Amino acid sequence: MSFFPGKDPALGDARSSDAIEHLVVPRSVDLGGFQVHRALPSARSRMVGPFIFFDHFGPAVFKAGDGVDVRPHPHIGLATVTYLFDGEIVHRDSLGTALPIRPGAVNWMTAGRGIVHSERTAADRRDGGEPLHGLQLWVALPTQDEEAAPAFAHTAAADIPELKDDGLTLRVVAGTMHGLRSPVATDWDTIFAEAHLKAGTVLPLQNDHEERAVYVIGGDVEIGGERHGPERLLVLKPGDRIDVKAATDAHLVVVGGAAMDGPRHIWWNFVSSRKDRIEAAKADWKAGRFALVPGDTTEFIPLPES
């Protein structure tokens, strides 16, 4: 998904606790029917583990006739990860994939050397009252896999492992946490988990992963005695076990993993360890050399002018 027209978010100026390396206040844009909050990349956190892009969209309820219409657009050098809390989006790509994603399921699309996809609200869900709330994340690929063949994997909500215990509901979307292991395949040490906490519940975060961040979807949490509200990305200091306490009923996600094997360049929908590869992708999209999306060939997003 690449409907966000804004610049990188600014850093938050709230005082951080000892457990928090820094706080990112996402830049938000109102797109007429819903808001998008972009937390990564930011001025100080270009990546957290392999995560190089973090968009939180919604919650929203569409009026009759409205919906998501992200026209076909290209990607290279990354995997897009779509995860919904509410609503439905129909994914189509140049591999011939065409299926809806619904809450709790995972769409993991590996662009590799190049893929094109679109994301839309289905025609039969545009009568008014259609909700939308979720995340789209981008994961940088290891250098050796940046030019791999494109691929798409859908994991059903029922296959995502879940733990319910004493005020905590934890779903491990990718990686391993608290004894749960996700079936979602990754190319790099990665953690992505969703948690609902009742007020007063503590979610301990071990130091299993080199880089970690907590994004607050709803409610308030406390880390190191500091309270943080929704739509904040809390980038944690490495190496320490950290407790996340729900000051109110709270909804959050944890993302991170091992630091990537070198810096990445990001321009529009392209990610690469090489600037020349991004220039080549720009030329290929402009010249129409990417594959088409079956069933969605009449529109596309043109290459930005700058």
C-alpha atoms as a PDB file:
ATOM      1  CA  MET A   1       0.000   0.000   0.000  1.00  0.00           C
ATOM      2  CA  SER A   2       1.492   3.363  -0.924  1.00  0.00           C
ATOM      3  CA  PHE A   3      -1.263   5.926  -0.564  1.00  0.00           C
ATOM      4  CA  PHE A   4       0.601   8.109   1.967  1.00  0.00           C
ATOM      5  CA  PRO A   5       1.690  11.416   0.406  1.00  0.00           C
ATOM      6  CA  GLY A   6       3.369  12.979   3.440  1.00  0.00           C
ATOM      7  CA  LYS A   7       6.981  13.427   4.441  1.00  0.00           C
ATOM      8  CA  ASP A   8       8.832  11.380   7.066  1.00  0.00           C
ATOM      9  CA  PRO A   9       7.421  11.794  10.598  1.00  0.00           C
ATOM     10  CA  ALA A  10       9.008  14.084  13.136  1.00  0.00           C
ATOM     11  CA  LEU A  11      10.482  12.844  16.374  1.00  0.00           C
ATOM     12  CA  GLY A  12       8.394  13.160  19.491  1.00  0.00           C
ATOM     13  CA  ASP A  13       9.656  15.636  22.055  1.00  0.00           C
ATOM     14  CA  ALA A  14       8.218  13.902  25.121  1.00  0.00           C
ATOM     15  CA  ARG A  15      10.712  12.886  27.763  1.00  0.00           C
ATOM     16  CA  SER A  16      11.678   9.243  27.360  1.00  0.00           C
ATOM     17  CA  SER A  17      12.258   6.729  30.121  1.00  0.00           C
ATOM     18  CA  ASP A  18      15.541   4.881  30.573  1.00  0.00           C
ATOM     19  CA  ALA A  19      14.021   1.905  28.786  1.00  0.00           C
ATOM     20  CA  ILE A  20      13.178   3.893  25.671  1.00  0.00           C
ATOM     21  CA  GLU A  21      15.831   4.946  23.191  1.00  0.00           C
ATOM     22  CA  HIS A  22      13.507   7.434  21.572  1.00  0.00           C
ATOM     23  CA  LEU A  23       9.873   8.098  20.812  1.00  0.00           C
ATOM     24  CA  VAL A  24       8.484   8.660  17.334  1.00  0.00           C
ATOM     25  CA  VAL A  25       5.306  10.663  16.811  1.00  0.00           C
ATOM     26  CA  PRO A  26       3.977   9.499  13.433  1.00  0.00           C
ATOM     27  CA  ARG A  27       3.128  11.978  10.734  1.00  0.00           C
ATOM     28  CA  SER A  28      -0.592  11.714   9.997  1.00  0.00           C
ATOM     29  CA  VAL A  29      -2.458  12.457   6.782  1.00  0.00           C
ATOM     30  CA  ASP A  30      -6.224  12.547   6.291  1.00  0.00           C
ATOM     31  CA  LEU A  31      -7.051  10.912   2.973  1.00  0.00           C
ATOM     32  CA  GLY A  32     -10.702  11.937   2.978  1.00  0.00           C
ATOM     33  CA  GLY A  33     -12.137   8.675   4.228  1.00  0.00           C
ATOM     34  CA  PHE A  34      -9.494   7.607   6.732  1.00  0.00           C
ATOM     35  CA  GLN A  35      -6.210   8.639   8.329  1.00  0.00           C
ATOM     36  CA  VAL A  36      -2.786   7.094   7.844  1.00  0.00           C
ATOM     37  CA  HIS A  37      -0.126   7.393  10.559  1.00  0.00           C
ATOM     38  CA  ARG A  38       3.438   6.714   9.365  1.00  0.00           C
ATOM     39  CA  ALA A  39       5.962   5.853  12.096  1.00  0.00           C
ATOM     40  CA  LEU A  40       8.795   4.441   9.973  1.00  0.00           C
ATOM     41  CA  PRO A  41      11.020   5.578   8.444  1.00  0.00           C
ATOM     42  CA  SER A  42      11.704   8.458  10.844  1.00  0.00           C
ATOM     43  CA  ALA A  43      14.521  10.916  11.295  1.00  0.00           C
ATOM     44  CA  ARG A  44      16.340   8.726  13.837  1.00  0.00           C
ATOM     45  CA  SER A  45      14.868   5.278  13.221  1.00  0.00           C
ATOM     46  CA  ARG A  46      15.236   4.325   9.589  1.00  0.00           C
ATOM     47  CA  MET A  47      14.642   0.689  10.556  1.00  0.00           C
ATOM     48  CA  VAL A  48      13.783  -1.407  13.604  1.00  0.00           C
ATOM     49  CA  GLY A  49      15.130  -4.864  12.900  1.00  0.00           C
ATOM     50  CA  PRO A  50      14.108  -5.530   9.283  1.00  0.00           C
ATOM     51  CA  PHE A  51      11.086  -3.182   9.462  1.00  0.00           C
ATOM     52  CA  ILE A  52      11.746  -0.173   7.243  1.00  0.00           C
ATOM     53  CA  PHE A  53       8.183   1.142   6.906  1.00  0.00           C
ATOM     54  CA  PHE A  54       5.285   1.246   9.375  1.00  0.00           C
ATOM     55  CA  ASP A  55       1.823   2.557   8.452  1.00  0.00           C
ATOM     56  CA  HIS A  56      -1.180   2.463  10.785  1.00  0.00           C
ATOM     57  CA  PHE A  57      -4.425   3.245   8.940  1.00  0.00           C
ATOM     58  CA  GLY A  58      -7.859   3.886  10.413  1.00  0.00           C
ATOM     59  CA  PRO A  59      -9.987   3.155  12.280  1.00  0.00           C
ATOM     60  CA  ALA A  60     -12.536   4.419   9.795  1.00  0.00           C
ATOM     61  CA  VAL A  61     -16.007   3.683   8.504  1.00  0.00           C
ATOM     62  CA  PHE A  62     -16.570   4.394   4.828  1.00  0.00           C
ATOM     63  CA  LYS A  63     -19.578   6.191   3.415  1.00  0.00           C
ATOM     64  CA  ALA A  64     -21.634   4.592   0.651  1.00  0.00           C
ATOM     65  CA  GLY A  65     -19.599   4.317  -2.533  1.00  0.00           C
ATOM     66  CA  ASP A  66     -16.261   4.846  -0.777  1.00  0.00           C
ATOM     67  CA  GLY A  67     -13.473   2.407  -0.028  1.00  0.00           C
ATOM     68  CA  VAL A  68      -9.788   1.727  -0.533  1.00  0.00           C
ATOM     69  CA  ASP A  69      -8.564   2.083  -4.114  1.00  0.00           C
ATOM     70  CA  VAL A  70      -4.804   1.684  -4.256  1.00  0.00           C
ATOM     71  CA  ARG A  71      -4.130   1.268  -7.976  1.00  0.00           C
ATOM     72  CA  PRO A  72      -1.454  -1.128  -9.280  1.00  0.00           C
ATOM     73  CA  HIS A  73       2.047  -0.046  -8.266  1.00  0.00           C
ATOM     74  CA  PRO A  74       5.474  -1.727  -8.136  1.00  0.00           C
ATOM     75  CA  HIS A  75       7.863  -2.845  -5.388  1.00  0.00           C
ATOM     76  CA  ILE A  76      11.418  -4.190  -5.312  1.00  0.00           C
ATOM     77  CA  GLY A  77      13.760  -5.348  -2.547  1.00  0.00           C
ATOM     78  CA  LEU A  78      11.220  -5.736   0.248  1.00  0.00           C
ATOM     79  CA  ALA A  79       8.279  -7.716   1.581  1.00  0.00           C
ATOM     80  CA  THR A  80       4.988  -5.999   2.336  1.00  0.00           C
ATOM     81  CA  VAL A  81       3.111  -7.249   5.401  1.00  0.00           C
ATOM     82  CA  THR A  82      -0.602  -6.463   5.680  1.00  0.00           C
ATOM     83  CA  TYR A  83      -2.484  -7.143   8.924  1.00  0.00           C
ATOM     84  CA  LEU A  84      -6.034  -5.959   9.619  1.00  0.00           C
ATOM     85  CA  PHE A  85      -7.871  -5.348  12.870  1.00  0.00           C
ATOM     86  CA  ASP A  86     -11.160  -4.623  11.098  1.00  0.00           C
ATOM     87  CA  GLY A  87     -12.545  -4.611   7.553  1.00  0.00           C
ATOM     88  CA  GLU A  88     -11.389  -6.261   4.337  1.00  0.00           C
ATOM     89  CA  ILE A  89      -9.011  -5.448   1.483  1.00  0.00           C
ATOM     90  CA  VAL A  90      -8.812  -7.359  -1.800  1.00  0.00           C
ATOM     91  CA  HIS A  91      -5.215  -8.008  -2.823  1.00  0.00           C
ATOM     92  CA  ARG A  92      -4.247  -8.651  -6.454  1.00  0.00           C
ATOM     93  CA  ASP A  93      -0.725  -8.979  -7.794  1.00  0.00           C
ATOM     94  CA  SER A  94       1.253  -9.693 -10.941  1.00  0.00           C
ATOM     95  CA  LEU A  95       1.722 -13.331  -9.893  1.00  0.00           C
ATOM     96  CA  GLY A  96      -2.015 -13.816 -10.418  1.00  0.00           C
ATOM     97  CA  THR A  97      -2.959 -13.746  -6.728  1.00  0.00           C
ATOM     98  CA  ALA A  98      -6.478 -12.440  -6.033  1.00  0.00           C
ATOM     99  CA  LEU A  99      -7.950 -12.826  -2.558  1.00  0.00           C
ATOM    100  CA  PRO A 100      -9.365 -10.785   0.303  1.00  0.00           C
ATOM    101  CA  ILE A 101      -7.522 -10.286   3.572  1.00  0.00           C
ATOM    102  CA  ARG A 102      -9.602 -10.077   6.741  1.00  0.00           C
ATOM    103  CA  PRO A 103      -8.819  -9.383  10.416  1.00  0.00           C
ATOM    104  CA  GLY A 104      -6.148 -11.545  12.005  1.00  0.00           C
ATOM    105  CA  ALA A 105      -4.844 -13.015   8.751  1.00  0.00           C
ATOM    106  CA  VAL A 106      -1.450 -12.149   7.257  1.00  0.00           C
ATOM    107  CA  ASN A 107      -0.538 -11.210   3.690  1.00  0.00           C
ATOM    108  CA  TRP A 108       3.234 -11.459   3.208  1.00  0.00           C
ATOM    109  CA  MET A 109       4.187 -10.378  -0.291  1.00  0.00           C
ATOM    110  CA  THR A 110       7.862 -10.669  -1.202  1.00  0.00           C
ATOM    111  CA  ALA A 111       8.753  -8.277  -3.997  1.00  0.00           C
ATOM    112  CA  GLY A 112      12.314  -9.462  -4.577  1.00  0.00           C
ATOM    113  CA  ARG A 113      13.400  -8.365  -8.060  1.00  0.00           C
ATOM    114  CA  GLY A 114       9.959  -6.905  -8.762  1.00  0.00           C
ATOM    115  CA  ILE A 115       6.226  -7.280  -8.265  1.00  0.00           C
ATOM    116  CA  VAL A 116       3.128  -5.166  -8.913  1.00  0.00           C
ATOM    117  CA  HIS A 117      -0.022  -5.214  -6.784  1.00  0.00           C
ATOM    118  CA  SER A 118      -3.252  -3.378  -6.056  1.00  0.00           C
ATOM    119  CA  GLU A 119      -5.385  -3.135  -2.934  1.00  0.00           C
ATOM    120  CA  ARG A 120      -9.075  -2.302  -3.107  1.00  0.00           C
ATOM    121  CA  THR A 121     -12.386  -2.541  -1.309  1.00  0.00           C
ATOM    122  CA  ALA A 122     -14.627  -5.037  -3.094  1.00  0.00           C
ATOM    123  CA  ALA A 123     -17.617  -3.659  -5.014  1.00  0.00           C
ATOM    124  CA  ASP A 124     -20.083  -5.575  -2.818  1.00  0.00           C
ATOM    125  CA  ARG A 125     -18.698  -3.905   0.340  1.00  0.00           C
ATOM    126  CA  ARG A 126     -19.288  -0.290  -0.733  1.00  0.00           C
ATOM    127  CA  ASP A 127     -22.872   0.172   0.461  1.00  0.00           C
ATOM    128  CA  GLY A 128     -21.817   2.268   3.461  1.00  0.00           C
ATOM    129  CA  GLY A 129     -20.690   1.311   6.928  1.00  0.00           C
ATOM    130  CA  GLU A 130     -17.643  -0.690   5.803  1.00  0.00           C
ATOM    131  CA  PRO A 131     -14.902  -0.455   8.473  1.00  0.00           C
ATOM    132  CA  LEU A 132     -11.156  -0.316   7.934  1.00  0.00           C
ATOM    133  CA  HIS A 133      -8.387  -0.529  10.527  1.00  0.00           C
ATOM    134  CA  GLY A 134      -4.984  -2.127  10.254  1.00  0.00           C
ATOM    135  CA  LEU A 135      -1.290  -2.009   9.555  1.00  0.00           C
ATOM    136  CA  GLN A 136       0.923  -2.235   6.547  1.00  0.00           C
ATOM    137  CA  LEU A 137       4.598  -2.805   7.219  1.00  0.00           C
ATOM    138  CA  TRP A 138       7.541  -3.211   4.891  1.00  0.00           C
ATOM    139  CA  VAL A 139      10.343  -5.621   5.713  1.00  0.00           C
ATOM    140  CA  ALA A 140      13.733  -5.133   4.066  1.00  0.00           C
ATOM    141  CA  LEU A 141      15.160  -8.290   2.507  1.00  0.00           C
ATOM    142  CA  PRO A 142      18.656  -9.587   3.263  1.00  0.00           C
ATOM    143  CA  THR A 143      21.123  -8.354   0.658  1.00  0.00           C
ATOM    144  CA  GLN A 144      21.468 -11.831  -0.843  1.00  0.00           C
ATOM    145  CA  ASP A 145      17.674 -12.056  -1.330  1.00  0.00           C
ATOM    146  CA  GLU A 146      16.952  -8.600  -2.759  1.00  0.00           C
ATOM    147  CA  GLU A 147      16.805 -10.003  -6.294  1.00  0.00           C
ATOM    148  CA  ALA A 148      14.969 -13.222  -5.428  1.00  0.00           C
ATOM    149  CA  ALA A 149      11.868 -14.283  -7.334  1.00  0.00           C
ATOM    150  CA  PRO A 150       8.691 -12.526  -6.153  1.00  0.00           C
ATOM    151  CA  ALA A 151       6.326 -14.559  -3.986  1.00  0.00           C
ATOM    152  CA  PHE A 152       3.091 -14.252  -2.042  1.00  0.00           C
ATOM    153  CA  ALA A 153       1.995 -16.084   1.122  1.00  0.00           C
ATOM    154  CA  HIS A 154      -1.357 -15.813   2.903  1.00  0.00           C
ATOM    155  CA  THR A 155      -1.702 -17.167   6.444  1.00  0.00           C
ATOM    156  CA  ALA A 156      -5.235 -17.554   7.819  1.00  0.00           C
ATOM    157  CA  ALA A 157      -6.169 -15.954  11.138  1.00  0.00           C
ATOM    158  CA  ALA A 158      -6.858 -19.381  12.656  1.00  0.00           C
ATOM    159  CA  ASP A 159      -3.237 -20.401  12.004  1.00  0.00           C
ATOM    160  CA  ILE A 160      -1.675 -17.519  13.945  1.00  0.00           C
ATOM    161  CA  PRO A 161      -0.736 -18.797  17.441  1.00  0.00           C
ATOM    162  CA  GLU A 162      -2.502 -17.089  20.324  1.00  0.00           C
ATOM    163  CA  LEU A 163      -2.065 -17.022  24.105  1.00  0.00           C
ATOM    164  CA  LYS A 164      -4.747 -15.886  26.547  1.00  0.00           C
ATOM    165  CA  ASP A 165      -3.643 -15.541  30.147  1.00  0.00           C
ATOM    166  CA  ASP A 166      -4.644 -13.309  33.060  1.00  0.00           C
ATOM    167  CA  GLY A 167      -5.646 -10.149  31.208  1.00  0.00           C
ATOM    168  CA  LEU A 168      -3.345 -10.706  28.222  1.00  0.00           C
ATOM    169  CA  THR A 169      -4.182 -11.829  24.699  1.00  0.00           C
ATOM    170  CA  LEU A 170      -1.047 -12.265  22.610  1.00  0.00           C
ATOM    171  CA  ARG A 171      -0.849 -13.224  18.926  1.00  0.00           C
ATOM    172  CA  VAL A 172       2.569 -13.881  17.394  1.00  0.00           C
ATOM    173  CA  VAL A 173       2.238 -12.871  13.756  1.00  0.00           C
ATOM    174  CA  ALA A 174       5.876 -13.548  12.818  1.00  0.00           C
ATOM    175  CA  GLY A 175       8.777 -14.981  14.777  1.00  0.00           C
ATOM    176  CA  THR A 176       8.727 -16.361  18.315  1.00  0.00           C
ATOM    177  CA  MET A 177       7.572 -14.871  21.616  1.00  0.00           C
ATOM    178  CA  HIS A 178       6.546 -16.341  24.985  1.00  0.00           C
ATOM    179  CA  GLY A 179       6.688 -19.877  23.669  1.00  0.00           C
ATOM    180  CA  LEU A 180       4.553 -19.159  20.603  1.00  0.00           C
ATOM    181  CA  ARG A 181       6.029 -19.648  17.137  1.00  0.00           C
ATOM    182  CA  SER A 182       4.347 -18.202  14.059  1.00  0.00           C
ATOM    183  CA  PRO A 183       4.103 -20.343  10.913  1.00  0.00           C
ATOM    184  CA  VAL A 184       4.784 -17.250   8.790  1.00  0.00           C
ATOM    185  CA  ALA A 185       8.129 -17.740   7.027  1.00  0.00           C
ATOM    186  CA  THR A 186      10.662 -14.904   7.207  1.00  0.00           C
ATOM    187  CA  ASP A 187      14.103 -14.393   5.658  1.00  0.00           C
ATOM    188  CA  TRP A 188      15.576 -12.599   8.687  1.00  0.00           C
ATOM    189  CA  ASP A 189      15.339 -12.731  12.485  1.00  0.00           C
ATOM    190  CA  THR A 190      11.965 -11.017  12.906  1.00  0.00           C
ATOM    191  CA  ILE A 191       9.353 -10.432  15.601  1.00  0.00           C
ATOM    192  CA  PHE A 192       5.863  -9.071  14.987  1.00  0.00           C
ATOM    193  CA  ALA A 193       3.257  -9.592  17.687  1.00  0.00           C
ATOM    194  CA  GLU A 194      -0.119  -8.106  18.618  1.00  0.00           C
ATOM    195  CA  ALA A 195      -1.270  -7.793  22.235  1.00  0.00           C
ATOM    196  CA  HIS A 196      -4.444  -6.764  24.039  1.00  0.00           C
ATOM    197  CA  LEU A 197      -3.908  -6.015  27.741  1.00  0.00           C
ATOM    198  CA  LYS A 198      -6.439  -5.338  30.451  1.00  0.00           C
ATOM    199  CA  ALA A 199      -5.580  -2.395  32.720  1.00  0.00           C
ATOM    200  CA  GLY A 200      -2.800  -3.366  35.129  1.00  0.00           C
ATOM    201  CA  THR A 201      -1.571  -6.306  33.029  1.00  0.00           C
ATOM    202  CA  VAL A 202       2.151  -6.515  32.291  1.00  0.00           C
ATOM    203  CA  LEU A 203       3.672  -7.807  29.051  1.00  0.00           C
ATOM    204  CA  PRO A 204       7.331  -8.693  29.634  1.00  0.00           C
ATOM    205  CA  LEU A 205       9.630  -8.283  26.641  1.00  0.00           C
ATOM    206  CA  GLN A 206      12.767 -10.388  26.812  1.00  0.00           C
ATOM    207  CA  ASN A 207      16.035  -9.447  25.127  1.00  0.00           C
ATOM    208  CA  ASP A 208      15.672 -12.222  22.524  1.00  0.00           C
ATOM    209  CA  HIS A 209      15.771  -9.684  19.695  1.00  0.00           C
ATOM    210  CA  GLU A 210      18.468  -7.121  19.036  1.00  0.00           C
ATOM    211  CA  GLU A 211      16.078  -4.306  18.087  1.00  0.00           C
ATOM    212  CA  ARG A 212      12.519  -3.835  19.364  1.00  0.00           C
ATOM    213  CA  ALA A 213       9.776  -1.230  19.269  1.00  0.00           C
ATOM    214  CA  VAL A 214       6.284  -0.977  20.714  1.00  0.00           C
ATOM    215  CA  TYR A 215       3.537   0.817  18.795  1.00  0.00           C
ATOM    216  CA  VAL A 216       0.448   1.753  20.812  1.00  0.00           C
ATOM    217  CA  ILE A 217      -2.745   1.226  18.811  1.00  0.00           C
ATOM    218  CA  GLY A 218      -5.155   2.166  21.592  1.00  0.00           C
ATOM    219  CA  GLY A 219      -5.166   2.908  25.320  1.00  0.00           C
ATOM    220  CA  ASP A 220      -2.184   3.927  27.454  1.00  0.00           C
ATOM    221  CA  VAL A 221       0.889   1.963  28.486  1.00  0.00           C
ATOM    222  CA  GLU A 222       3.678   2.517  30.997  1.00  0.00           C
ATOM    223  CA  ILE A 223       7.317   1.677  30.354  1.00  0.00           C
ATOM    224  CA  GLY A 224       9.925   2.526  32.966  1.00  0.00           C
ATOM    225  CA  GLY A 225       7.396   4.656  34.843  1.00  0.00           C
ATOM    226  CA  GLU A 226       6.566   6.809  31.805  1.00  0.00           C
ATOM    227  CA  ARG A 227       3.048   6.798  30.370  1.00  0.00           C
ATOM    228  CA  HIS A 228       2.449   6.768  26.617  1.00  0.00           C
ATOM    229  CA  GLY A 229      -0.797   7.070  24.676  1.00  0.00           C
ATOM    230  CA  PRO A 230      -1.933   5.826  21.294  1.00  0.00           C
ATOM    231  CA  GLU A 231      -0.233   6.410  17.939  1.00  0.00           C
ATOM    232  CA  ARG A 232       3.268   6.427  19.380  1.00  0.00           C
ATOM    233  CA  LEU A 233       6.212   4.244  18.355  1.00  0.00           C
ATOM    234  CA  LEU A 234       8.453   3.539  21.345  1.00  0.00           C
ATOM    235  CA  VAL A 235      11.874   2.381  20.159  1.00  0.00           C
ATOM    236  CA  LEU A 236      13.389   0.397  23.011  1.00  0.00           C
ATOM    237  CA  LYS A 237      16.999   0.329  24.109  1.00  0.00           C
ATOM    238  CA  PRO A 238      18.663  -2.972  23.196  1.00  0.00           C
ATOM    239  CA  GLY A 239      19.814  -5.645  25.574  1.00  0.00           C
ATOM    240  CA  ASP A 240      17.430  -5.262  28.500  1.00  0.00           C
ATOM    241  CA  ARG A 241      14.343  -7.116  29.621  1.00  0.00           C
ATOM    242  CA  ILE A 242      11.518  -4.549  29.617  1.00  0.00           C
ATOM    243  CA  ASP A 243       8.020  -4.616  31.087  1.00  0.00           C
ATOM    244  CA  VAL A 244       5.126  -2.984  29.254  1.00  0.00           C
ATOM    245  CA  LYS A 245       2.297  -2.273  31.689  1.00  0.00           C
ATOM    246  CA  ALA A 246      -1.218  -1.366  30.587  1.00  0.00           C
ATOM    247  CA  ALA A 247      -2.222   1.851  32.367  1.00  0.00           C
ATOM    248  CA  THR A 248      -5.676   1.418  30.818  1.00  0.00           C
ATOM    249  CA  ASP A 249      -7.042  -1.347  28.632  1.00  0.00           C
ATOM    250  CA  ALA A 250      -4.485  -1.238  25.812  1.00  0.00           C
ATOM    251  CA  HIS A 251      -3.881  -2.558  22.313  1.00  0.00           C
ATOM    252  CA  LEU A 252      -0.333  -2.625  20.948  1.00  0.00           C
ATOM    253  CA  VAL A 253       2.057  -4.325  18.574  1.00  0.00           C
ATOM    254  CA  VAL A 254       5.703  -5.275  19.021  1.00  0.00           C
ATOM    255  CA  VAL A 255       8.029  -5.220  16.005  1.00  0.00           C
ATOM    256  CA  GLY A 256      11.744  -5.802  15.587  1.00  0.00           C
ATOM    257  CA  GLY A 257      14.420  -8.387  15.065  1.00  0.00           C
ATOM    258  CA  ALA A 258      18.111  -8.454  14.234  1.00  0.00           C
ATOM    259  CA  ALA A 259      19.679  -5.317  12.806  1.00  0.00           C
ATOM    260  CA  MET A 260      19.796  -5.510   9.010  1.00  0.00           C
ATOM    261  CA  ASP A 261      22.966  -6.399   7.132  1.00  0.00           C
ATOM    262  CA  GLY A 262      23.715  -2.830   6.138  1.00  0.00           C
ATOM    263  CA  PRO A 263      21.791   0.351   5.308  1.00  0.00           C
ATOM    264  CA  ARG A 264      18.956   0.504   2.817  1.00  0.00           C
ATOM    265  CA  HIS A 265      17.887   3.183   0.363  1.00  0.00           C
ATOM    266  CA  ILE A 266      14.162   3.830   0.067  1.00  0.00           C
ATOM    267  CA  TRP A 267      12.473   5.824  -2.687  1.00  0.00           C
ATOM    268  CA  TRP A 268       8.713   5.663  -3.260  1.00  0.00           C
ATOM    269  CA  ASN A 269       7.900   1.915  -3.275  1.00  0.00           C
ATOM    270  CA  PHE A 270      11.452   0.734  -3.877  1.00  0.00           C
ATOM    271  CA  VAL A 271      13.963  -0.505  -1.299  1.00  0.00           C
ATOM    272  CA  SER A 272      17.507  -1.597  -2.063  1.00  0.00           C
ATOM    273  CA  SER A 273      21.037  -1.659  -0.705  1.00  0.00           C
ATOM    274  CA  ARG A 274      22.062  -0.100  -4.053  1.00  0.00           C
ATOM    275  CA  LYS A 275      21.061   3.303  -5.352  1.00  0.00           C
ATOM    276  CA  ASP A 276      21.611   2.222  -8.955  1.00  0.00           C
ATOM    277  CA  ARG A 277      19.067  -0.591  -8.505  1.00  0.00           C
ATOM    278  CA  ILE A 278      16.431   1.923  -7.454  1.00  0.00           C
ATOM    279  CA  GLU A 279      17.239   4.062 -10.497  1.00  0.00           C
ATOM    280  CA  ALA A 280      16.791   0.994 -12.708  1.00  0.00           C
ATOM    281  CA  ALA A 281      13.420   0.200 -11.097  1.00  0.00           C
ATOM    282  CA  LYS A 282      12.259   3.777 -11.687  1.00  0.00           C
ATOM    283  CA  ALA A 283      13.179   3.487 -15.363  1.00  0.00           C
ATOM    284  CA  ASP A 284      11.474   0.095 -15.663  1.00  0.00           C
ATOM    285  CA  TRP A 285       8.188   1.328 -14.164  1.00  0.00           C
ATOM    286  CA  LYS A 286       8.189   4.456 -16.301  1.00  0.00           C
ATOM    287  CA  ALA A 287       8.822   2.379 -19.434  1.00  0.00           C
ATOM    288  CA  GLY A 288       6.130  -0.190 -18.590  1.00  0.00           C
ATOM    289  CA  ARG A 289       8.525  -3.104 -18.157  1.00  0.00           C
ATOM    290  CA  PHE A 290       6.943  -4.449 -14.935  1.00  0.00           C
ATOM    291  CA  ALA A 291       4.328  -7.211 -15.222  1.00  0.00           C
ATOM    292  CA  LEU A 292       0.620  -6.365 -15.180  1.00  0.00           C
ATOM    293  CA  VAL A 293      -1.874  -7.322 -12.466  1.00  0.00           C
ATOM    294  CA  PRO A 294      -4.437  -9.759 -13.933  1.00  0.00           C
ATOM    295  CA  GLY A 295      -7.943  -8.424 -13.365  1.00  0.00           C
ATOM    296  CA  ASP A 296      -6.700  -4.885 -12.630  1.00  0.00           C
ATOM    297  CA  THR A 297      -5.028  -3.607 -15.788  1.00  0.00           C
ATOM    298  CA  THR A 298      -6.856  -0.386 -16.641  1.00  0.00           C
ATOM    299  CA  GLU A 299      -5.219   1.860 -14.018  1.00  0.00           C
ATOM    300  CA  PHE A 300      -1.820   2.312 -12.396  1.00  0.00           C
ATOM    301  CA  ILE A 301       0.017   4.768 -10.142  1.00  0.00           C
ATOM    302  CA  PRO A 302       2.508   6.748 -12.257  1.00  0.00           C
ATOM    303  CA  LEU A 303       6.106   7.275 -11.199  1.00  0.00           C
ATOM    304  CA  PRO A 304       6.334  10.380  -8.976  1.00  0.00           C
ATOM    305  CA  GLU A 305       7.961  13.377 -10.597  1.00  0.00           C
ATOM    306  CA  SER A 306      10.401  13.850  -7.704  1.00  0.00           C
END
